[in-house]
Amino acid sequence: MTIHEELVSQFEAYLTESKRFEEKGIKASGMRARKALAEIAKLCKERRKEIQEAKSGEDA
C-alpha cells in the first residue's frame, strides 16, 4: 500500500470514528479518531519527504 493510499485509509477511519464520537458520544471512538489523526500527521511528513526527493531527483 502506498503512502497516499494509507493516508486515504486513515482519513476514512478518522471520519468514521469522529462521527461515532460526535453522534453517539462513544469515548473509545474519540480515542481512535485521535490515533488516526496522529497517524495522518506522520504519513503527511513521509509523503512530503517522498515528493521532495522526487522533485530533487528531477532537478539533478
N, C-alpha and C. Protein backbone atom coordinates (compact mmCIF):
# COMPACT_ATOMS: atom_id res chain seq x y z
N MET A 1 0.85 -1.18 0.00
CA MET A 1 0.00 0.00 0.00
C MET A 1 0.90 1.24 0.00
N THR A 2 0.60 2.19 -0.89
CA THR A 2 1.40 3.40 -0.96
C THR A 2 1.05 4.34 0.20
N ILE A 3 1.89 5.30 0.43
CA ILE A 3 1.63 6.28 1.49
C ILE A 3 0.34 7.03 1.20
N HIS A 4 0.10 7.33 -0.07
CA HIS A 4 -1.14 8.03 -0.44
C HIS A 4 -2.35 7.19 -0.06
N GLU A 5 -2.32 5.91 -0.37
CA GLU A 5 -3.44 5.02 -0.03
C GLU A 5 -3.62 4.91 1.48
N GLU A 6 -2.50 4.86 2.21
CA GLU A 6 -2.58 4.80 3.67
C GLU A 6 -3.20 6.07 4.24
N LEU A 7 -2.84 7.23 3.65
CA LEU A 7 -3.43 8.50 4.07
C LEU A 7 -4.95 8.48 3.87
N VAL A 8 -5.37 8.02 2.72
CA VAL A 8 -6.81 7.96 2.43
C VAL A 8 -7.49 7.03 3.42
N SER A 9 -6.90 5.88 3.66
CA SER A 9 -7.47 4.90 4.59
C SER A 9 -7.58 5.47 6.00
N GLN A 10 -6.53 6.13 6.47
CA GLN A 10 -6.55 6.72 7.81
C GLN A 10 -7.57 7.84 7.91
N PHE A 11 -7.71 8.62 6.84
CA PHE A 11 -8.69 9.70 6.86
C PHE A 11 -10.11 9.15 6.93
N GLU A 12 -10.35 8.06 6.19
CA GLU A 12 -11.67 7.43 6.24
C GLU A 12 -11.94 6.89 7.65
N ALA A 13 -10.91 6.29 8.27
CA ALA A 13 -11.06 5.79 9.64
C ALA A 13 -11.35 6.95 10.59
N TYR A 14 -10.65 8.06 10.40
CA TYR A 14 -10.89 9.24 11.23
C TYR A 14 -12.34 9.71 11.10
N LEU A 15 -12.83 9.81 9.86
CA LEU A 15 -14.20 10.28 9.64
C LEU A 15 -15.21 9.38 10.34
N THR A 16 -15.02 8.08 10.21
CA THR A 16 -15.93 7.12 10.83
C THR A 16 -15.93 7.25 12.35
N GLU A 17 -14.74 7.25 12.94
CA GLU A 17 -14.63 7.30 14.39
C GLU A 17 -15.08 8.65 14.94
N SER A 18 -14.77 9.71 14.23
CA SER A 18 -15.17 11.04 14.68
C SER A 18 -16.70 11.16 14.68
N LYS A 19 -17.33 10.61 13.66
CA LYS A 19 -18.79 10.64 13.58
C LYS A 19 -19.41 9.87 14.74
N ARG A 20 -18.85 8.70 15.04
CA ARG A 20 -19.36 7.91 16.17
C ARG A 20 -19.21 8.67 17.48
N PHE A 21 -18.06 9.32 17.64
CA PHE A 21 -17.82 10.08 18.87
C PHE A 21 -18.79 11.24 19.00
N GLU A 22 -18.95 12.00 17.90
CA GLU A 22 -19.81 13.18 17.93
C GLU A 22 -21.28 12.82 18.10
N GLU A 23 -21.74 11.82 17.37
CA GLU A 23 -23.16 11.49 17.37
C GLU A 23 -23.59 10.61 18.55
N LYS A 24 -22.73 9.67 18.92
CA LYS A 24 -23.13 8.71 19.94
C LYS A 24 -22.39 8.89 21.27
N GLY A 25 -21.38 9.75 21.27
CA GLY A 25 -20.63 10.01 22.49
C GLY A 25 -19.76 8.84 22.94
N ILE A 26 -19.35 8.00 22.01
CA ILE A 26 -18.51 6.84 22.34
C ILE A 26 -17.07 7.32 22.56
N LYS A 27 -16.63 7.26 23.80
CA LYS A 27 -15.31 7.79 24.13
C LYS A 27 -14.18 7.03 23.43
N ALA A 28 -14.32 5.73 23.28
CA ALA A 28 -13.29 4.94 22.59
C ALA A 28 -13.14 5.38 21.14
N SER A 29 -14.23 5.79 20.53
CA SER A 29 -14.16 6.28 19.15
C SER A 29 -13.38 7.59 19.09
N GLY A 30 -13.54 8.41 20.11
CA GLY A 30 -12.76 9.65 20.18
C GLY A 30 -11.28 9.35 20.23
N MET A 31 -10.91 8.33 21.01
CA MET A 31 -9.51 7.95 21.12
C MET A 31 -9.00 7.41 19.78
N ARG A 32 -9.80 6.59 19.11
CA ARG A 32 -9.39 6.06 17.80
C ARG A 32 -9.30 7.18 16.76
N ALA A 33 -10.17 8.17 16.84
CA ALA A 33 -10.10 9.30 15.91
C ALA A 33 -8.80 10.07 16.12
N ARG A 34 -8.44 10.28 17.38
CA ARG A 34 -7.18 10.98 17.67
C ARG A 34 -5.98 10.18 17.19
N LYS A 35 -6.04 8.86 17.34
CA LYS A 35 -4.95 8.00 16.87
C LYS A 35 -4.82 8.10 15.35
N ALA A 36 -5.96 8.10 14.65
CA ALA A 36 -5.93 8.23 13.20
C ALA A 36 -5.33 9.57 12.78
N LEU A 37 -5.67 10.63 13.49
CA LEU A 37 -5.10 11.95 13.19
C LEU A 37 -3.59 11.97 13.38
N ALA A 38 -3.12 11.31 14.44
CA ALA A 38 -1.67 11.24 14.68
C ALA A 38 -0.99 10.47 13.56
N GLU A 39 -1.61 9.40 13.11
CA GLU A 39 -1.05 8.61 12.01
C GLU A 39 -1.06 9.42 10.71
N ILE A 40 -2.11 10.20 10.49
CA ILE A 40 -2.18 11.06 9.30
C ILE A 40 -1.02 12.06 9.31
N ALA A 41 -0.76 12.66 10.46
CA ALA A 41 0.34 13.62 10.57
C ALA A 41 1.67 12.97 10.21
N LYS A 42 1.88 11.76 10.70
CA LYS A 42 3.12 11.03 10.42
C LYS A 42 3.22 10.73 8.93
N LEU A 43 2.13 10.25 8.34
CA LEU A 43 2.13 9.92 6.92
C LEU A 43 2.31 11.15 6.05
N CYS A 44 1.76 12.28 6.47
CA CYS A 44 1.95 13.53 5.72
C CYS A 44 3.42 13.90 5.64
N LYS A 45 4.12 13.75 6.74
CA LYS A 45 5.56 14.06 6.75
C LYS A 45 6.31 13.13 5.82
N GLU A 46 5.96 11.84 5.83
CA GLU A 46 6.62 10.88 4.94
C GLU A 46 6.33 11.21 3.48
N ARG A 47 5.09 11.55 3.19
CA ARG A 47 4.71 11.86 1.80
C ARG A 47 5.40 13.12 1.31
N ARG A 48 5.48 14.13 2.19
CA ARG A 48 6.18 15.37 1.81
C ARG A 48 7.64 15.05 1.48
N LYS A 49 8.25 14.18 2.26
CA LYS A 49 9.64 13.79 2.02
C LYS A 49 9.77 13.09 0.68
N GLU A 50 8.84 12.17 0.37
CA GLU A 50 8.86 11.48 -0.92
C GLU A 50 8.76 12.47 -2.08
N ILE A 51 7.83 13.40 -1.95
CA ILE A 51 7.63 14.38 -3.02
C ILE A 51 8.88 15.24 -3.19
N GLN A 52 9.47 15.67 -2.08
CA GLN A 52 10.67 16.49 -2.16
C GLN A 52 11.82 15.72 -2.81
N GLU A 53 11.97 14.45 -2.45
CA GLU A 53 13.04 13.63 -3.03
C GLU A 53 12.82 13.46 -4.54
N ALA A 54 11.58 13.24 -4.96
CA ALA A 54 11.27 13.09 -6.36
C ALA A 54 11.55 14.40 -7.10
N LYS A 55 11.19 15.48 -6.48
CA LYS A 55 11.41 16.80 -7.06
C LYS A 55 12.91 17.07 -7.19
N SER A 56 13.66 16.75 -6.15
CA SER A 56 15.12 16.96 -6.18
C SER A 56 15.78 16.06 -7.21
N GLY A 57 15.27 14.86 -7.36
CA GLY A 57 15.81 13.95 -8.35
C GLY A 57 15.62 14.44 -9.77
N GLU A 58 14.51 15.13 -10.02
CA GLU A 58 14.25 15.68 -11.35
C GLU A 58 15.16 16.85 -11.66
N ASP A 59 15.51 17.62 -10.63
CA ASP A 59 16.35 18.81 -10.81
C ASP A 59 17.80 18.42 -11.14
N ALA A 60 18.20 17.25 -10.72
CA ALA A 60 19.61 16.85 -10.88
C ALA A 60 19.97 16.52 -12.30
